[in-house]
Amino acid sequence: MEEIKVSPDYNWFRSTVPLKRIIVDDDDSKVWSLYDAGPKSIRCPIIFLPPVSGTAEVFFQQVLALTGWGYRVISLQYPVYWDLVEFCDGFRKLLDHLQLDKVHLFGASLGGFLAQKFAESTHKSPRVHSLILCNSFSDTSIFNQTWTANSFWLMPAFMLKKIVLGNFAKGPVDSKMADAIDFMVDRLESLNQSELASRLTLNCQNSYVEPHKIKDVVVTIIDVFDQSALSLEAKEEMYKLYPNARRAHLKTGGNFPYLCRSAEVNLYIQIHLRQFHGTRYAAISPAMVSTEELEVQESPLSSNQDSDDNH
């Protein structure tokens, strides 16, 4: 089984894209870590937000593919924030620091929830032009953990890791999915107690998305049909919340399709971003558009239609 960590793609990514550390809060222990790749002239890039167990590296396949097609891509991981208001304030300051007025956000699981909450919190002066929500949710009560949310900060790291690992796939998975799980376990091991406790707190403290505040944001929902940490009810709730969203379904992919089904996920991201080509919100270099168009001749994704991959 080839491990992602020793794969040529991952090593190429680590050796060519520098990791930046940025502090935007008065508290200098709050450090945003991010990879910023592709043409810096693009003012409306796509930004990737990881799940509880993830770091900025988990989207390396999206960074490599999309920058190859001419997109500007930022993949980041969060500082320790204990509540959503604090997170949204910090993220807004980060965008200001990077001189980005509006952005496209791709959020996986917790990352998708944070992306929605950020779009909601900035709705009066919009900073989010579009959302791609992957295996995500809109209401933290689905985890039935709101009562423990206030005690995560007390728990030792090994206990927090056990809680997160409990949501990883059990049962048969193919080799690519097994590699993805191994990689995510490795990433989880790299997080310290306060990083994990704060993310679990954000993931579980009582909160839900108010869709009327973000009804003008273009949304694509990517989810999987096989076993993932999300219940069917949570997925249905997302469809209800965003009736006009494009839907991209993967038959398989588990919790981490951006790692184990990266070709399909990358295609769905391209199709989502293509609608902004030629506008001031394009995430791609204008010089690269025609080359990129050829890559996506046959689009399996059209508005308001379910689309399945055939693998």
Protein backbone atom coordinates (compact mmCIF):
# COMPACT_ATOMS: atom_id res chain seq x y z
CA MET A 1 0.00 0.00 0.00
CA GLU A 2 1.58 3.25 -1.07
CA GLU A 3 1.45 5.80 1.68
CA ILE A 4 0.50 9.35 0.77
CA LYS A 5 3.32 10.72 2.93
CA VAL A 6 6.00 9.12 0.77
CA SER A 7 4.22 9.67 -2.56
CA PRO A 8 6.01 11.75 -5.24
CA ASP A 9 3.06 14.19 -5.41
CA TYR A 10 3.14 14.93 -1.70
CA ASN A 11 6.90 15.35 -1.66
CA TRP A 12 6.75 17.61 -4.71
CA PHE A 13 4.11 19.70 -2.94
CA ARG A 14 6.18 19.96 0.26
CA SER A 15 9.33 20.92 -1.64
CA THR A 16 7.76 23.51 -3.96
CA VAL A 17 5.02 25.29 -1.96
CA PRO A 18 6.28 27.15 1.12
CA LEU A 19 4.29 27.07 4.36
CA LYS A 20 3.62 30.60 5.63
CA ARG A 21 2.79 31.55 9.20
CA ILE A 22 0.74 34.71 9.76
CA ILE A 23 -0.39 36.40 12.98
CA VAL A 24 -3.31 38.86 12.71
CA ASP A 25 -4.52 38.97 16.32
CA ASP A 26 -3.08 40.87 19.28
CA ASP A 27 -2.38 37.48 20.83
CA ASP A 28 0.75 36.32 19.02
CA SER A 29 0.12 32.69 19.94
CA LYS A 30 -2.70 32.68 17.36
CA VAL A 31 -0.87 31.66 14.19
CA TRP A 32 -2.54 30.96 10.82
CA SER A 33 -0.51 28.45 8.79
CA LEU A 34 -1.15 28.47 5.06
CA TYR A 35 0.02 27.50 1.61
CA ASP A 36 -0.60 30.21 -0.99
CA ALA A 37 0.07 28.93 -4.52
CA GLY A 38 -0.69 30.15 -8.03
CA PRO A 39 -0.73 33.66 -9.53
CA LYS A 40 -0.70 36.35 -6.83
CA SER A 41 -2.40 38.76 -9.27
CA ILE A 42 -5.66 36.87 -8.65
CA ARG A 43 -7.66 38.79 -6.05
CA CYS A 44 -10.45 36.24 -5.51
CA PRO A 45 -8.73 32.91 -4.89
CA ILE A 46 -10.23 29.70 -3.59
CA ILE A 47 -9.41 29.01 0.07
CA PHE A 48 -9.55 25.52 1.61
CA LEU A 49 -10.65 24.99 5.23
CA PRO A 50 -9.84 21.60 6.82
CA PRO A 51 -11.89 19.28 9.06
CA VAL A 52 -11.24 18.81 12.80
CA SER A 53 -8.45 16.29 12.15
CA GLY A 54 -6.90 18.13 9.21
CA THR A 55 -3.99 20.46 8.60
CA ALA A 56 -3.28 22.70 5.61
CA GLU A 57 -1.50 19.74 3.92
CA VAL A 58 -4.65 17.64 3.50
CA PHE A 59 -5.63 19.57 0.35
CA PHE A 60 -2.25 19.15 -1.37
CA GLN A 61 -3.82 17.33 -4.35
CA GLN A 62 -6.20 20.26 -4.93
CA VAL A 63 -3.35 22.77 -4.62
CA LEU A 64 -1.21 20.89 -7.18
CA ALA A 65 -3.99 20.29 -9.71
CA LEU A 66 -5.70 23.69 -9.53
CA THR A 67 -2.49 25.73 -9.63
CA GLY A 68 -1.46 23.62 -12.62
CA TRP A 69 -4.59 24.87 -14.38
CA GLY A 70 -3.84 28.50 -13.48
CA TYR A 71 -5.87 29.01 -10.28
CA ARG A 72 -4.71 30.77 -7.13
CA VAL A 73 -5.26 28.41 -4.22
CA ILE A 74 -4.80 28.96 -0.48
CA SER A 75 -4.95 26.02 1.92
CA LEU A 76 -4.85 26.88 5.60
CA GLN A 77 -5.15 25.66 9.14
CA TYR A 78 -6.65 27.58 12.01
CA PRO A 79 -5.13 29.04 15.14
CA VAL A 80 -6.70 28.10 18.47
CA TYR A 81 -10.10 29.84 18.56
CA TRP A 82 -12.68 28.79 21.12
CA ASP A 83 -15.81 30.39 19.68
CA LEU A 84 -17.28 31.20 16.28
CA VAL A 85 -17.30 34.98 16.71
CA GLU A 86 -13.57 34.90 17.49
CA PHE A 87 -12.90 32.63 14.50
CA CYS A 88 -14.88 34.84 12.09
CA ASP A 89 -13.12 37.95 13.37
CA GLY A 90 -9.70 36.31 12.98
CA PHE A 91 -10.47 35.02 9.48
CA ARG A 92 -11.69 38.45 8.38
CA LYS A 93 -8.42 39.96 9.65
CA LEU A 94 -6.48 37.29 7.74
CA LEU A 95 -8.28 38.21 4.48
CA ASP A 96 -7.53 41.89 5.18
CA HIS A 97 -3.88 41.04 5.78
CA LEU A 98 -3.74 39.10 2.49
CA GLN A 99 -5.55 42.04 0.79
CA LEU A 100 -8.36 39.80 -0.42
CA ASP A 101 -11.74 41.47 -0.71
CA LYS A 102 -13.86 38.46 -1.68
CA VAL A 103 -12.99 34.78 -1.87
CA HIS A 104 -14.36 31.36 -2.77
CA LEU A 105 -14.33 28.91 0.14
CA PHE A 106 -14.05 25.11 0.03
CA GLY A 107 -14.80 23.65 3.45
CA ALA A 108 -14.62 20.00 4.50
CA SER A 109 -16.79 18.96 7.45
CA LEU A 110 -16.00 21.49 10.25
CA GLY A 111 -14.29 23.62 7.57
CA GLY A 112 -17.58 23.78 5.67
CA PHE A 113 -19.51 24.78 8.79
CA LEU A 114 -16.95 27.54 9.52
CA ALA A 115 -17.14 28.70 5.89
CA GLN A 116 -20.94 29.06 6.17
CA LYS A 117 -20.69 30.87 9.52
CA PHE A 118 -18.07 33.26 8.10
CA ALA A 119 -20.27 34.00 5.06
CA GLU A 120 -23.17 34.59 7.45
CA SER A 121 -21.17 36.86 9.78
CA THR A 122 -19.95 39.04 6.89
CA HIS A 123 -23.26 39.13 4.99
CA LYS A 124 -23.68 42.89 5.40
CA SER A 125 -20.29 43.49 3.78
CA PRO A 126 -19.84 40.22 1.87
CA ARG A 127 -16.43 38.57 1.83
CA VAL A 128 -17.53 35.18 0.46
CA HIS A 129 -18.45 34.99 -3.23
CA SER A 130 -19.16 31.26 -3.33
CA LEU A 131 -19.04 28.09 -1.23
CA ILE A 132 -18.13 24.48 -1.93
CA LEU A 133 -19.26 22.36 1.01
CA CYS A 134 -17.79 18.86 1.21
CA ASN A 135 -19.30 16.34 3.66
CA SER A 136 -20.41 19.33 5.65
CA PHE A 137 -23.25 20.26 8.01
CA SER A 138 -25.26 23.31 9.01
CA ASP A 139 -26.21 22.56 12.60
CA THR A 140 -23.84 21.30 15.31
CA SER A 141 -26.65 19.59 17.24
CA ILE A 142 -26.38 16.60 14.83
CA PHE A 143 -23.35 15.40 16.84
CA ASN A 144 -25.30 15.24 20.12
CA GLN A 145 -22.24 16.67 21.82
CA THR A 146 -23.41 20.18 22.66
CA TRP A 147 -23.52 19.23 26.36
CA THR A 148 -19.81 18.23 26.33
CA ALA A 149 -18.65 21.14 24.15
CA ASN A 150 -17.66 23.17 27.17
CA SER A 151 -15.47 20.45 28.65
CA PHE A 152 -13.21 19.57 25.70
CA TRP A 153 -10.63 22.07 26.94
CA LEU A 154 -10.17 19.94 30.08
CA MET A 155 -9.55 16.66 28.29
CA PRO A 156 -6.07 15.27 27.61
CA ALA A 157 -4.93 15.00 23.98
CA PHE A 158 -5.16 11.19 23.80
CA MET A 159 -8.83 11.35 24.82
CA LEU A 160 -9.61 14.04 22.21
CA LYS A 161 -7.86 11.97 19.53
CA LYS A 162 -9.96 8.98 20.51
CA ILE A 163 -13.15 11.04 20.05
CA VAL A 164 -12.04 12.14 16.55
CA LEU A 165 -10.88 8.65 15.52
CA GLY A 166 -14.30 7.33 16.52
CA ASN A 167 -15.69 9.14 13.48
CA PHE A 168 -13.22 7.63 11.02
CA ALA A 169 -14.49 4.88 8.72
CA LYS A 170 -14.99 1.43 10.11
CA GLY A 171 -15.50 -1.60 7.93
CA PRO A 172 -14.18 -2.35 4.46
CA VAL A 173 -12.50 0.43 2.48
CA ASP A 174 -10.48 0.33 -0.74
CA SER A 175 -6.72 0.91 -0.69
CA LYS A 176 -6.96 4.59 -1.64
CA MET A 177 -9.43 5.23 1.16
CA ALA A 178 -7.20 3.32 3.59
CA ASP A 179 -4.25 5.49 2.54
CA ALA A 180 -6.36 8.62 3.07
CA ILE A 181 -7.34 7.48 6.58
CA ASP A 182 -3.68 6.70 7.41
CA PHE A 183 -2.67 10.16 6.25
CA MET A 184 -5.43 11.85 8.27
CA VAL A 185 -4.44 9.87 11.38
CA ASP A 186 -0.89 11.12 10.85
CA ARG A 187 -2.16 14.70 10.52
CA LEU A 188 -4.29 14.26 13.65
CA GLU A 189 -1.17 13.15 15.55
CA SER A 190 0.50 16.45 14.63
CA LEU A 191 -2.17 18.53 16.42
CA ASN A 192 -1.65 19.49 20.07
CA GLN A 193 -4.25 19.40 22.86
CA SER A 194 -5.45 23.00 22.53
CA GLU A 195 -5.68 22.81 18.72
CA LEU A 196 -7.84 19.70 18.95
CA ALA A 197 -9.92 20.84 21.91
CA SER A 198 -10.70 24.20 20.30
CA ARG A 199 -11.73 22.62 17.00
CA LEU A 200 -13.98 20.09 18.72
CA THR A 201 -15.50 22.96 20.72
CA LEU A 202 -16.27 24.88 17.48
CA ASN A 203 -17.59 21.66 15.95
CA CYS A 204 -19.97 20.90 18.82
CA GLN A 205 -20.99 24.11 20.62
CA ASN A 206 -24.63 24.91 19.99
CA SER A 207 -24.90 26.76 16.68
CA TYR A 208 -26.61 26.60 13.30
CA VAL A 209 -26.44 28.43 9.98
CA GLU A 210 -29.04 31.09 9.16
CA PRO A 211 -29.54 30.55 5.41
CA HIS A 212 -31.49 33.77 4.72
CA LYS A 213 -28.28 35.71 5.41
CA ILE A 214 -26.32 33.90 2.71
CA LYS A 215 -28.99 33.29 0.08
CA ASP A 216 -27.01 35.22 -2.56
CA VAL A 217 -23.91 33.04 -2.22
CA VAL A 218 -23.42 30.45 -4.99
CA VAL A 219 -23.16 26.96 -3.42
CA THR A 220 -22.00 23.53 -4.56
CA ILE A 221 -22.51 20.59 -2.18
CA ILE A 222 -20.14 17.63 -2.55
CA ASP A 223 -20.99 14.50 -0.62
CA VAL A 224 -20.46 10.76 -0.67
CA PHE A 225 -22.97 7.92 -0.77
CA ASP A 226 -20.89 5.48 1.24
CA GLN A 227 -20.16 5.54 4.95
CA SER A 228 -19.04 8.87 6.36
CA ALA A 229 -19.33 10.62 9.71
CA LEU A 230 -22.40 12.49 8.43
CA SER A 231 -25.85 11.04 8.85
CA LEU A 232 -28.37 10.99 6.02
CA GLU A 233 -30.45 13.51 8.02
CA ALA A 234 -27.55 15.97 8.10
CA LYS A 235 -27.16 15.70 4.31
CA GLU A 236 -30.90 16.16 3.74
CA GLU A 237 -30.83 19.22 5.98
CA MET A 238 -28.08 20.74 3.78
CA TYR A 239 -30.14 20.17 0.62
CA LYS A 240 -33.14 21.85 2.24
CA LEU A 241 -31.04 24.79 3.38
CA TYR A 242 -29.61 25.35 -0.12
CA PRO A 243 -32.36 24.34 -2.56
CA ASN A 244 -30.55 26.00 -5.49
CA ALA A 245 -27.16 24.47 -4.76
CA ARG A 246 -25.44 22.33 -7.32
CA ARG A 247 -25.00 18.81 -6.03
CA ALA A 248 -22.02 16.63 -6.72
CA HIS A 249 -22.30 13.08 -5.46
CA LEU A 250 -19.51 10.55 -5.23
CA LYS A 251 -20.60 6.92 -4.91
CA THR A 252 -17.64 6.27 -2.64
CA GLY A 253 -15.03 8.39 -0.93
CA GLY A 254 -15.68 8.18 2.81
CA ASN A 255 -14.81 11.15 4.99
CA PHE A 256 -11.88 12.35 2.90
CA PRO A 257 -12.79 12.29 -0.81
CA TYR A 258 -10.39 15.20 -1.54
CA LEU A 259 -7.57 12.73 -0.74
CA CYS A 260 -8.85 9.41 -2.09
CA ARG A 261 -11.08 10.66 -4.96
CA SER A 262 -9.08 13.76 -5.79
CA ALA A 263 -9.58 13.63 -9.59
CA GLU A 264 -13.38 13.77 -9.23
CA VAL A 265 -13.32 16.36 -6.46
CA ASN A 266 -10.92 18.55 -8.47
CA LEU A 267 -13.23 18.32 -11.48
CA TYR A 268 -16.22 19.41 -9.39
CA ILE A 269 -14.22 22.35 -8.02
CA GLN A 270 -13.27 23.39 -11.58
CA ILE A 271 -16.88 23.20 -12.74
CA HIS A 272 -17.97 25.30 -9.77
CA LEU A 273 -15.31 27.95 -10.43
CA ARG A 274 -15.86 28.10 -14.21
CA GLN A 275 -19.04 30.15 -13.81
CA PHE A 276 -16.89 33.06 -12.56
CA HIS A 277 -14.42 33.05 -15.48
CA GLY A 278 -14.25 36.45 -17.14
CA THR A 279 -15.62 38.26 -14.07
CA ARG A 280 -13.72 40.12 -11.37
CA TYR A 281 -14.33 37.11 -9.14
CA ALA A 282 -12.43 34.67 -11.36
CA ALA A 283 -10.00 32.51 -9.34
CA ILE A 284 -8.01 31.68 -12.48
CA SER A 285 -5.42 33.58 -14.49
CA PRO A 286 -7.14 34.86 -17.71
CA ALA A 287 -4.20 33.56 -19.78
CA MET A 288 -4.94 29.99 -18.62
CA VAL A 289 -8.68 29.88 -19.25
CA SER A 290 -8.62 28.32 -22.74
CA THR A 291 -6.25 25.51 -21.69
CA GLU A 292 -8.36 24.81 -18.63
CA GLU A 293 -11.60 24.80 -20.66
CA LEU A 294 -10.29 21.85 -22.68
CA GLU A 295 -9.83 19.86 -19.46
CA VAL A 296 -13.52 20.14 -18.60
CA GLN A 297 -15.19 19.63 -21.97
CA GLU A 298 -17.63 17.03 -20.72
CA SER A 299 -19.18 18.40 -17.57
CA PRO A 300 -20.90 15.80 -15.39
CA LEU A 301 -22.32 18.56 -13.21
CA SER A 302 -25.18 20.84 -14.12
CA SER A 303 -27.29 23.19 -12.07
CA ASN A 304 -29.70 21.56 -9.65
CA GLN A 305 -28.98 18.08 -10.95
CA ASP A 306 -27.50 15.20 -9.07
CA SER A 307 -24.33 14.00 -10.68
CA ASP A 308 -22.71 10.70 -9.97
CA ASP A 309 -19.23 9.57 -10.72
CA ASN A 310 -19.10 6.23 -12.46
CA HIS A 311 -16.30 4.61 -10.54
